[in-house]
Each structure stands twice: as C-alpha cells, then as structure tokens.
C-alpha cells in the first residue's frame, strides 16, 4: 500500500495525520513482509460474557456501522499467507477435503454425528444466518480445553479432526466452524479466522468472521449468539487469515 502526499513534510501544510499514516504504512509494510512468524497465546476465558451488560462502544458514535471491509472498524493490510505455520499446517492437511463427516466417525462420536447430520439436512432449507447460528451453537457444545492441557504446548491450531476428537481452545473452535461451513456451501474467501485482543477480559482470543449480505457476523465460542462485528467494541483484531490471504489490523486514526 502506498500513501502519496503532494506537499513536502517540512513545509507546514501536510497534516500530522498524513505524516502519521505515512510512517505507519512504512512500519506495517516492513512487518508484513518480514520473516516474522506469528505465534499467538490464546488464554482460557475466565468468565462467560453477559452480552446484555457489555459497556457501550467508546470509539464510535451511536448508530455508526462498520463497513464490511473494515473488520471491527480497523484498517486492514493484506498480504500473502506466509510465516503463519499453524494455519499453513491445517490448510495443508485439509487441502483436498470437502467434508468433515469422517472426522466424526473416526472420533467415535455417535450422538454428535447424528446432530451434525440433522444440521446438514436442515441447512438445505434454512437461511444462511440460521445455518451460522446452528453451526456456532453445535460446536460450542465441546468443552473448552487449553493447548497445554491437550497437547502440552503453549499454542497449537488444531484440525477439525483433532478438535472433534479432543476439543480445544478458541482458535480450534473457529477453524472447525470454518470447515463445517465450507461443507455446507459457504465460500472460504468469505470467512476469516481472527486473532484478537479481548479488551474487557484482557486476554488474547480468536473467533470466526463470516461475510454475508454486506455484513460481518461473528461466531464465538463464548456465546451462542451470532452477531454483527459492530456489536463487539471490546474486540481488537491483530491478525486474520483465510485460505487465500492474511491481514494485519490497526485501529483507525482519530
């Protein structure tokens, strides 16, 4: 991304915001194309969120809606997928898989297999939003387990098969929901795994974002609700990925 200022920086006319944006662009360019490897430690939620008591959004005026291409209202910087080894491993293992049905069978989860079959059948006549709600609620039935508890590692992004068999943490819920929705007909390019900061609980977190009908809906393992990203003023994304790209996110200048 390039920022052009037609007036020299030292002539007193180029605004502070333009100068700030210029240097921010240089920094992010170096960040995105450096050899940095992304490792995010996603912590276990200490409490469930009461969605009726969330504080009002502080950084936006009432009734202001985010543009669909501004996830959680941030400025996005897109680049090719590299140096995200956890996600690259999952994509490599599921490159030619169009179904997670066998993952249920191998895990020996008969009851969950029946529930999944029901979701697939109902999805044929349900609206896309109803399908998102069903998938989110279904996979949230799995108990939350940390990577250290399951794998003995600080950070590990599980495949759907690993999650269905062993459960996992927030990024694992998001990944499994993405591949479930792909099987149900949602396009991979319209979804992203989002690593973010939960500023209320002060922990790292991950969710699935789905772009649908000029809106972005969030599938979150801490809530059965599927809401617009504009409802999550306490979520500050850092990195998002899908099967084609990765994005770095920064708050907009004020």
Foldseek 3Di string as FASTA:
>chain_A
DAQDDPDDPPPPPDDPQSVVVRVVVVVVVCVVPDLAADDFQFDDFPDFDDLVPDDDQDPDDPPDDAFLVQQLQWDKDKDWDDNHVQVVVQCVVCVPPLDCLVLCVVLVPPVLSVLLVVLLVVLVPDDPQVSLLSLLVSLLVQDEDECCRQPVDRDHADHLSCCSNPNYHQNNSARNSLSSVSNSPADQVQKKWWWWAQQVRRGIHIWMWGDDDRFIWTRTSSDSDIDTSNSRSRIGTAKMDTPTIIMGTDHDDD
